[in-house]
N, C-alpha and C. Protein backbone atom coordinates (compact mmCIF):
# COMPACT_ATOMS: atom_id res chain seq x y z
N MET A 1 17.27 25.97 -8.25
CA MET A 1 16.78 24.62 -8.00
C MET A 1 15.31 24.55 -8.38
N ARG A 2 14.94 23.53 -9.09
CA ARG A 2 13.57 23.34 -9.55
C ARG A 2 12.72 22.71 -8.45
N GLY A 3 11.47 23.16 -8.32
CA GLY A 3 10.57 22.60 -7.32
C GLY A 3 10.10 21.21 -7.69
N VAL A 4 9.71 20.47 -6.70
CA VAL A 4 9.18 19.13 -6.90
C VAL A 4 7.66 19.20 -6.85
N THR A 5 7.02 18.65 -7.86
CA THR A 5 5.57 18.61 -7.90
C THR A 5 5.10 17.22 -7.52
N VAL A 6 4.20 17.15 -6.56
CA VAL A 6 3.65 15.87 -6.14
C VAL A 6 2.16 15.89 -6.43
N THR A 7 1.75 15.06 -7.39
CA THR A 7 0.33 15.00 -7.74
C THR A 7 -0.29 13.64 -7.43
N LYS A 8 0.57 12.61 -7.27
CA LYS A 8 0.06 11.27 -7.01
C LYS A 8 0.92 10.58 -5.96
N ILE A 9 0.25 10.05 -4.93
CA ILE A 9 0.92 9.36 -3.83
C ILE A 9 0.37 7.95 -3.73
N LEU A 10 1.26 6.97 -3.63
CA LEU A 10 0.87 5.58 -3.41
C LEU A 10 1.41 5.14 -2.06
N VAL A 11 0.56 4.56 -1.23
CA VAL A 11 0.96 4.04 0.07
C VAL A 11 0.73 2.54 0.07
N ALA A 12 1.78 1.77 0.34
CA ALA A 12 1.68 0.32 0.45
C ALA A 12 1.41 -0.04 1.91
N VAL A 13 0.37 -0.82 2.13
CA VAL A 13 -0.10 -1.13 3.49
C VAL A 13 -0.16 -2.65 3.67
N ASP A 14 0.30 -3.11 4.86
CA ASP A 14 0.18 -4.54 5.17
C ASP A 14 -0.51 -4.79 6.51
N GLY A 15 -1.04 -3.74 7.12
CA GLY A 15 -1.75 -3.89 8.39
C GLY A 15 -0.88 -3.75 9.61
N SER A 16 0.42 -3.62 9.43
CA SER A 16 1.35 -3.49 10.56
C SER A 16 1.31 -2.06 11.12
N ASP A 17 1.91 -1.89 12.30
CA ASP A 17 2.02 -0.55 12.87
C ASP A 17 2.82 0.37 11.96
N ALA A 18 3.85 -0.18 11.32
CA ALA A 18 4.67 0.61 10.41
C ALA A 18 3.85 1.10 9.22
N SER A 19 2.99 0.24 8.69
CA SER A 19 2.19 0.68 7.55
C SER A 19 1.07 1.63 7.99
N LYS A 20 0.67 1.54 9.25
CA LYS A 20 -0.31 2.51 9.77
C LYS A 20 0.32 3.90 9.78
N ARG A 21 1.58 3.98 10.21
CA ARG A 21 2.29 5.26 10.19
C ARG A 21 2.44 5.77 8.75
N ALA A 22 2.73 4.86 7.83
CA ALA A 22 2.85 5.25 6.42
C ALA A 22 1.52 5.76 5.89
N ALA A 23 0.43 5.08 6.23
CA ALA A 23 -0.91 5.49 5.77
C ALA A 23 -1.26 6.87 6.33
N GLN A 24 -0.98 7.09 7.61
CA GLN A 24 -1.27 8.39 8.22
C GLN A 24 -0.45 9.49 7.55
N LEU A 25 0.80 9.21 7.26
CA LEU A 25 1.66 10.17 6.57
C LEU A 25 1.11 10.47 5.18
N GLY A 26 0.66 9.43 4.49
CA GLY A 26 0.07 9.63 3.17
C GLY A 26 -1.16 10.53 3.22
N LEU A 27 -2.00 10.31 4.23
CA LEU A 27 -3.20 11.14 4.39
C LEU A 27 -2.81 12.59 4.68
N GLU A 28 -1.85 12.80 5.56
CA GLU A 28 -1.43 14.16 5.90
C GLU A 28 -0.80 14.88 4.72
N LEU A 29 0.06 14.19 3.97
CA LEU A 29 0.68 14.80 2.79
C LEU A 29 -0.37 15.14 1.74
N THR A 30 -1.33 14.24 1.55
CA THR A 30 -2.38 14.48 0.57
C THR A 30 -3.20 15.71 0.94
N GLU A 31 -3.51 15.83 2.22
CA GLU A 31 -4.25 17.01 2.69
C GLU A 31 -3.49 18.29 2.38
N GLY A 32 -2.21 18.29 2.65
CA GLY A 32 -1.39 19.48 2.44
C GLY A 32 -1.08 19.79 0.99
N LEU A 33 -0.92 18.75 0.18
CA LEU A 33 -0.51 18.93 -1.20
C LEU A 33 -1.66 18.89 -2.21
N GLY A 34 -2.80 18.35 -1.79
CA GLY A 34 -3.91 18.21 -2.72
C GLY A 34 -3.66 17.15 -3.79
N ALA A 35 -2.82 16.18 -3.49
CA ALA A 35 -2.47 15.12 -4.44
C ALA A 35 -3.54 14.04 -4.49
N ASP A 36 -3.48 13.21 -5.52
CA ASP A 36 -4.31 12.01 -5.60
C ASP A 36 -3.65 10.96 -4.71
N LEU A 37 -4.46 10.26 -3.93
CA LEU A 37 -3.93 9.28 -2.99
C LEU A 37 -4.45 7.89 -3.31
N HIS A 38 -3.53 6.93 -3.33
CA HIS A 38 -3.86 5.54 -3.59
C HIS A 38 -3.26 4.68 -2.49
N PHE A 39 -4.05 3.76 -1.97
CA PHE A 39 -3.56 2.78 -1.01
C PHE A 39 -3.58 1.41 -1.68
N MET A 40 -2.62 0.58 -1.33
CA MET A 40 -2.60 -0.76 -1.89
C MET A 40 -2.12 -1.76 -0.86
N THR A 41 -2.51 -3.01 -1.07
CA THR A 41 -1.99 -4.12 -0.28
C THR A 41 -1.75 -5.27 -1.23
N VAL A 42 -0.92 -6.20 -0.81
CA VAL A 42 -0.56 -7.34 -1.65
C VAL A 42 -0.73 -8.62 -0.86
N VAL A 43 -1.38 -9.60 -1.46
CA VAL A 43 -1.45 -10.94 -0.88
C VAL A 43 -0.48 -11.82 -1.66
N ARG A 44 0.25 -12.62 -0.95
CA ARG A 44 1.30 -13.44 -1.57
C ARG A 44 0.73 -14.51 -2.51
N ASN A 45 -0.21 -15.28 -2.00
CA ASN A 45 -0.78 -16.37 -2.79
C ASN A 45 -2.29 -16.19 -2.92
N GLU A 46 -2.74 -16.08 -4.12
CA GLU A 46 -4.17 -15.93 -4.38
C GLU A 46 -4.89 -17.23 -4.08
N LYS A 47 -5.94 -17.13 -3.30
CA LYS A 47 -6.76 -18.29 -2.97
C LYS A 47 -8.21 -17.88 -3.15
N ILE A 48 -9.00 -18.74 -3.75
CA ILE A 48 -10.41 -18.44 -3.96
C ILE A 48 -11.25 -19.46 -3.20
N ASP A 49 -12.13 -18.94 -2.35
CA ASP A 49 -13.06 -19.78 -1.60
C ASP A 49 -14.40 -19.78 -2.33
N GLU A 50 -14.95 -20.94 -2.50
CA GLU A 50 -16.27 -21.10 -3.11
C GLU A 50 -17.29 -21.31 -2.00
N ILE A 51 -18.37 -20.52 -2.03
CA ILE A 51 -19.39 -20.61 -0.99
C ILE A 51 -20.75 -20.81 -1.64
N ASP A 52 -21.45 -21.85 -1.20
CA ASP A 52 -22.82 -22.12 -1.64
C ASP A 52 -23.74 -21.95 -0.45
N SER A 53 -24.80 -21.16 -0.65
CA SER A 53 -25.75 -20.93 0.43
C SER A 53 -27.12 -20.63 -0.15
N GLY A 54 -28.11 -21.44 0.19
CA GLY A 54 -29.47 -21.18 -0.25
C GLY A 54 -29.64 -21.08 -1.75
N GLY A 55 -28.90 -21.86 -2.50
CA GLY A 55 -28.98 -21.82 -3.95
C GLY A 55 -28.10 -20.76 -4.59
N ASP A 56 -27.47 -19.92 -3.80
CA ASP A 56 -26.55 -18.92 -4.33
C ASP A 56 -25.12 -19.44 -4.26
N HIS A 57 -24.30 -18.95 -5.17
CA HIS A 57 -22.90 -19.36 -5.21
C HIS A 57 -22.02 -18.11 -5.27
N TRP A 58 -21.04 -18.04 -4.38
CA TRP A 58 -20.10 -16.92 -4.37
C TRP A 58 -18.69 -17.44 -4.44
N SER A 59 -17.86 -16.65 -5.09
CA SER A 59 -16.42 -16.89 -5.10
C SER A 59 -15.77 -15.68 -4.44
N ILE A 60 -15.02 -15.93 -3.38
CA ILE A 60 -14.37 -14.85 -2.66
C ILE A 60 -12.87 -15.12 -2.67
N SER A 61 -12.12 -14.19 -3.23
CA SER A 61 -10.68 -14.37 -3.32
C SER A 61 -9.97 -13.77 -2.11
N SER A 62 -8.75 -14.20 -1.89
CA SER A 62 -7.95 -13.64 -0.81
C SER A 62 -7.68 -12.16 -1.07
N ALA A 63 -7.58 -11.77 -2.34
CA ALA A 63 -7.40 -10.35 -2.68
C ALA A 63 -8.65 -9.55 -2.31
N ASP A 64 -9.84 -10.13 -2.51
CA ASP A 64 -11.08 -9.45 -2.10
C ASP A 64 -11.11 -9.24 -0.59
N ARG A 65 -10.73 -10.27 0.15
CA ARG A 65 -10.71 -10.17 1.61
C ARG A 65 -9.67 -9.14 2.06
N ALA A 66 -8.52 -9.14 1.42
CA ALA A 66 -7.47 -8.18 1.77
C ALA A 66 -7.91 -6.75 1.46
N GLU A 67 -8.63 -6.57 0.37
CA GLU A 67 -9.11 -5.23 0.03
C GLU A 67 -10.14 -4.75 1.05
N ALA A 68 -11.00 -5.64 1.52
CA ALA A 68 -11.98 -5.27 2.55
C ALA A 68 -11.26 -4.89 3.85
N LYS A 69 -10.21 -5.64 4.22
CA LYS A 69 -9.43 -5.31 5.41
C LYS A 69 -8.73 -3.96 5.24
N LEU A 70 -8.21 -3.72 4.04
CA LEU A 70 -7.55 -2.45 3.75
C LEU A 70 -8.53 -1.30 3.90
N ARG A 71 -9.73 -1.48 3.37
CA ARG A 71 -10.76 -0.44 3.47
C ARG A 71 -11.03 -0.12 4.95
N ASP A 72 -11.22 -1.15 5.77
CA ASP A 72 -11.47 -0.96 7.21
C ASP A 72 -10.27 -0.29 7.89
N PHE A 73 -9.07 -0.72 7.51
CA PHE A 73 -7.83 -0.17 8.07
C PHE A 73 -7.76 1.33 7.82
N ILE A 74 -8.07 1.75 6.59
CA ILE A 74 -8.00 3.17 6.23
C ILE A 74 -9.14 3.95 6.90
N LEU A 75 -10.33 3.38 6.90
CA LEU A 75 -11.46 4.08 7.53
C LEU A 75 -11.21 4.33 9.02
N ALA A 76 -10.49 3.45 9.69
CA ALA A 76 -10.18 3.63 11.10
C ALA A 76 -9.28 4.85 11.33
N LEU A 77 -8.59 5.30 10.29
CA LEU A 77 -7.74 6.49 10.40
C LEU A 77 -8.53 7.78 10.20
N GLU A 78 -9.82 7.64 9.91
CA GLU A 78 -10.73 8.77 9.70
C GLU A 78 -10.20 9.76 8.66
N PRO A 79 -10.03 9.29 7.42
CA PRO A 79 -9.49 10.16 6.39
C PRO A 79 -10.42 11.34 6.07
N LYS A 80 -9.79 12.48 5.77
CA LYS A 80 -10.54 13.68 5.39
C LYS A 80 -10.38 13.97 3.90
N VAL A 81 -9.72 13.08 3.19
CA VAL A 81 -9.48 13.24 1.76
C VAL A 81 -10.01 12.01 1.03
N SER A 82 -10.22 12.15 -0.26
CA SER A 82 -10.65 10.99 -1.04
C SER A 82 -9.41 10.17 -1.43
N TYR A 83 -9.62 8.90 -1.70
CA TYR A 83 -8.51 8.00 -2.00
C TYR A 83 -9.04 6.80 -2.77
N GLY A 84 -8.14 6.09 -3.40
CA GLY A 84 -8.46 4.85 -4.07
C GLY A 84 -7.75 3.71 -3.36
N ILE A 85 -8.29 2.50 -3.50
CA ILE A 85 -7.63 1.33 -2.91
C ILE A 85 -7.60 0.20 -3.93
N ILE A 86 -6.59 -0.64 -3.78
CA ILE A 86 -6.48 -1.82 -4.64
C ILE A 86 -5.74 -2.90 -3.87
N SER A 87 -6.11 -4.14 -4.12
CA SER A 87 -5.42 -5.28 -3.56
C SER A 87 -4.96 -6.15 -4.72
N LEU A 88 -3.71 -6.53 -4.71
CA LEU A 88 -3.15 -7.35 -5.77
C LEU A 88 -2.54 -8.61 -5.17
N SER A 89 -2.35 -9.61 -6.00
CA SER A 89 -1.70 -10.82 -5.52
C SER A 89 -0.40 -11.03 -6.28
N GLY A 90 0.61 -11.51 -5.55
CA GLY A 90 1.91 -11.74 -6.15
C GLY A 90 3.01 -11.42 -5.17
N LYS A 91 4.20 -11.26 -5.67
CA LYS A 91 5.36 -10.91 -4.85
C LYS A 91 5.27 -9.42 -4.54
N ALA A 92 5.32 -9.08 -3.26
CA ALA A 92 5.04 -7.71 -2.81
C ALA A 92 5.87 -6.66 -3.53
N GLU A 93 7.18 -6.82 -3.56
CA GLU A 93 8.00 -5.76 -4.16
C GLU A 93 7.71 -5.57 -5.64
N LYS A 94 7.44 -6.66 -6.35
CA LYS A 94 7.10 -6.56 -7.78
C LYS A 94 5.75 -5.86 -7.98
N MET A 95 4.76 -6.23 -7.18
CA MET A 95 3.43 -5.67 -7.33
C MET A 95 3.40 -4.19 -6.92
N ILE A 96 4.12 -3.84 -5.86
CA ILE A 96 4.16 -2.44 -5.42
C ILE A 96 4.85 -1.58 -6.47
N THR A 97 5.98 -2.05 -6.99
CA THR A 97 6.69 -1.33 -8.03
C THR A 97 5.82 -1.15 -9.28
N ALA A 98 5.14 -2.22 -9.69
CA ALA A 98 4.28 -2.15 -10.88
C ALA A 98 3.12 -1.18 -10.67
N GLU A 99 2.53 -1.20 -9.48
CA GLU A 99 1.41 -0.30 -9.20
C GLU A 99 1.87 1.15 -9.16
N ALA A 100 3.04 1.40 -8.59
CA ALA A 100 3.59 2.77 -8.57
C ALA A 100 3.76 3.28 -9.99
N LYS A 101 4.23 2.43 -10.88
CA LYS A 101 4.38 2.82 -12.29
C LYS A 101 3.02 3.01 -12.94
N ARG A 102 2.07 2.10 -12.66
CA ARG A 102 0.75 2.17 -13.29
C ARG A 102 0.02 3.46 -12.94
N VAL A 103 0.07 3.86 -11.66
CA VAL A 103 -0.64 5.08 -11.25
C VAL A 103 0.22 6.33 -11.45
N GLU A 104 1.45 6.13 -11.93
CA GLU A 104 2.40 7.22 -12.16
C GLU A 104 2.63 8.01 -10.87
N ALA A 105 2.91 7.26 -9.79
CA ALA A 105 3.12 7.88 -8.48
C ALA A 105 4.37 8.76 -8.49
N ASP A 106 4.25 9.91 -7.84
CA ASP A 106 5.41 10.77 -7.63
C ASP A 106 6.15 10.35 -6.36
N ILE A 107 5.38 9.84 -5.40
CA ILE A 107 5.95 9.36 -4.14
C ILE A 107 5.30 8.03 -3.77
N LEU A 108 6.13 7.08 -3.37
CA LEU A 108 5.69 5.82 -2.81
C LEU A 108 6.03 5.85 -1.33
N ILE A 109 5.04 5.61 -0.47
CA ILE A 109 5.29 5.63 0.97
C ILE A 109 5.20 4.21 1.51
N LEU A 110 6.24 3.81 2.24
CA LEU A 110 6.33 2.48 2.84
C LEU A 110 6.58 2.64 4.34
N GLY A 111 6.22 1.63 5.09
CA GLY A 111 6.53 1.60 6.51
C GLY A 111 7.83 0.86 6.75
N ASN A 112 8.56 1.26 7.78
CA ASN A 112 9.79 0.58 8.19
C ASN A 112 9.47 -0.29 9.38
N LYS A 113 9.54 -1.60 9.21
CA LYS A 113 9.19 -2.51 10.30
C LYS A 113 10.26 -2.60 11.38
N ARG A 114 11.42 -2.03 11.14
CA ARG A 114 12.50 -2.01 12.13
C ARG A 114 12.83 -3.40 12.67
N LEU A 115 13.10 -4.29 11.77
CA LEU A 115 13.48 -5.63 12.20
C LEU A 115 14.78 -5.56 13.00
N GLN A 116 14.94 -6.44 13.94
CA GLN A 116 16.07 -6.37 14.86
C GLN A 116 17.36 -6.97 14.31
N SER A 117 17.33 -7.49 13.13
CA SER A 117 18.53 -8.07 12.54
C SER A 117 19.47 -6.97 12.06
N VAL A 118 20.76 -7.17 12.27
CA VAL A 118 21.75 -6.20 11.80
C VAL A 118 21.71 -6.11 10.28
N LYS A 119 21.46 -7.23 9.60
CA LYS A 119 21.42 -7.25 8.14
C LYS A 119 20.22 -6.50 7.60
N ARG A 120 19.20 -6.35 8.39
CA ARG A 120 17.95 -5.80 7.88
C ARG A 120 17.59 -4.51 8.61
N VAL A 121 18.14 -3.42 8.15
CA VAL A 121 17.77 -2.13 8.73
C VAL A 121 16.33 -1.82 8.34
N LEU A 122 15.96 -2.19 7.15
CA LEU A 122 14.59 -2.06 6.66
C LEU A 122 14.01 -3.45 6.46
N GLY A 123 12.70 -3.54 6.42
CA GLY A 123 12.07 -4.80 6.07
C GLY A 123 12.51 -5.21 4.67
N SER A 124 12.42 -6.48 4.36
CA SER A 124 12.94 -6.97 3.08
C SER A 124 12.20 -6.37 1.89
N VAL A 125 10.89 -6.13 2.00
CA VAL A 125 10.15 -5.55 0.88
C VAL A 125 10.64 -4.13 0.62
N ALA A 126 10.74 -3.32 1.68
CA ALA A 126 11.23 -1.94 1.51
C ALA A 126 12.64 -1.94 0.94
N ALA A 127 13.50 -2.81 1.45
CA ALA A 127 14.88 -2.87 0.97
C ALA A 127 14.92 -3.25 -0.50
N ASP A 128 14.11 -4.22 -0.91
CA ASP A 128 14.08 -4.64 -2.32
C ASP A 128 13.59 -3.50 -3.22
N ILE A 129 12.58 -2.78 -2.78
CA ILE A 129 12.04 -1.68 -3.59
C ILE A 129 13.07 -0.56 -3.69
N LEU A 130 13.79 -0.29 -2.62
CA LEU A 130 14.77 0.79 -2.64
C LEU A 130 15.97 0.49 -3.53
N ARG A 131 16.20 -0.76 -3.86
CA ARG A 131 17.28 -1.10 -4.79
C ARG A 131 16.99 -0.58 -6.19
N HIS A 132 15.72 -0.61 -6.59
CA HIS A 132 15.31 -0.14 -7.92
C HIS A 132 13.98 0.60 -7.78
N PRO A 133 14.00 1.79 -7.19
CA PRO A 133 12.75 2.49 -6.91
C PRO A 133 12.04 2.95 -8.18
N PRO A 134 10.71 2.82 -8.22
CA PRO A 134 9.94 3.25 -9.38
C PRO A 134 9.70 4.76 -9.39
N CYS A 135 9.92 5.40 -8.25
CA CYS A 135 9.70 6.84 -8.08
C CYS A 135 10.38 7.23 -6.77
N ASN A 136 10.18 8.46 -6.32
CA ASN A 136 10.69 8.83 -5.00
C ASN A 136 10.03 7.96 -3.95
N VAL A 137 10.79 7.53 -2.96
CA VAL A 137 10.27 6.65 -1.92
C VAL A 137 10.47 7.33 -0.57
N LEU A 138 9.41 7.34 0.21
CA LEU A 138 9.45 7.89 1.56
C LEU A 138 9.19 6.74 2.52
N VAL A 139 10.09 6.53 3.45
CA VAL A 139 9.94 5.46 4.43
C VAL A 139 9.52 6.08 5.74
N ALA A 140 8.32 5.72 6.20
CA ALA A 140 7.79 6.26 7.45
C ALA A 140 8.43 5.52 8.61
N LYS A 141 8.85 6.26 9.63
CA LYS A 141 9.46 5.60 10.79
C LYS A 141 8.45 5.39 11.89
């Protein structure tokens, strides 16, 4: 049997408890494997706020705000490894799949929200990704 090499890990985060478990798992695996670690989040609808103050003008997108929240979310876990982060806008399963392909992830880690519906053993995003996975997928419980 051939060994599995893991050099790149992508963790999709949405701020939920399930994604916190996924992020922690990603950090622990990265520590043990020495892999490159990437965190990502997705905003459904891109919105840009225009701010004028004292003659200055700023444009702040919902993706920028989500990336700042992601950064704070990860820092709260006190990571001991280096990592990259990105925030994208669009349909979550499409953006997560595309990002996993772009970074050439060996493992994609998702959280299981454990919805109480009989039809939904996994959250809809995880279920959609598992139908056509871009790489190996690990679902954190």
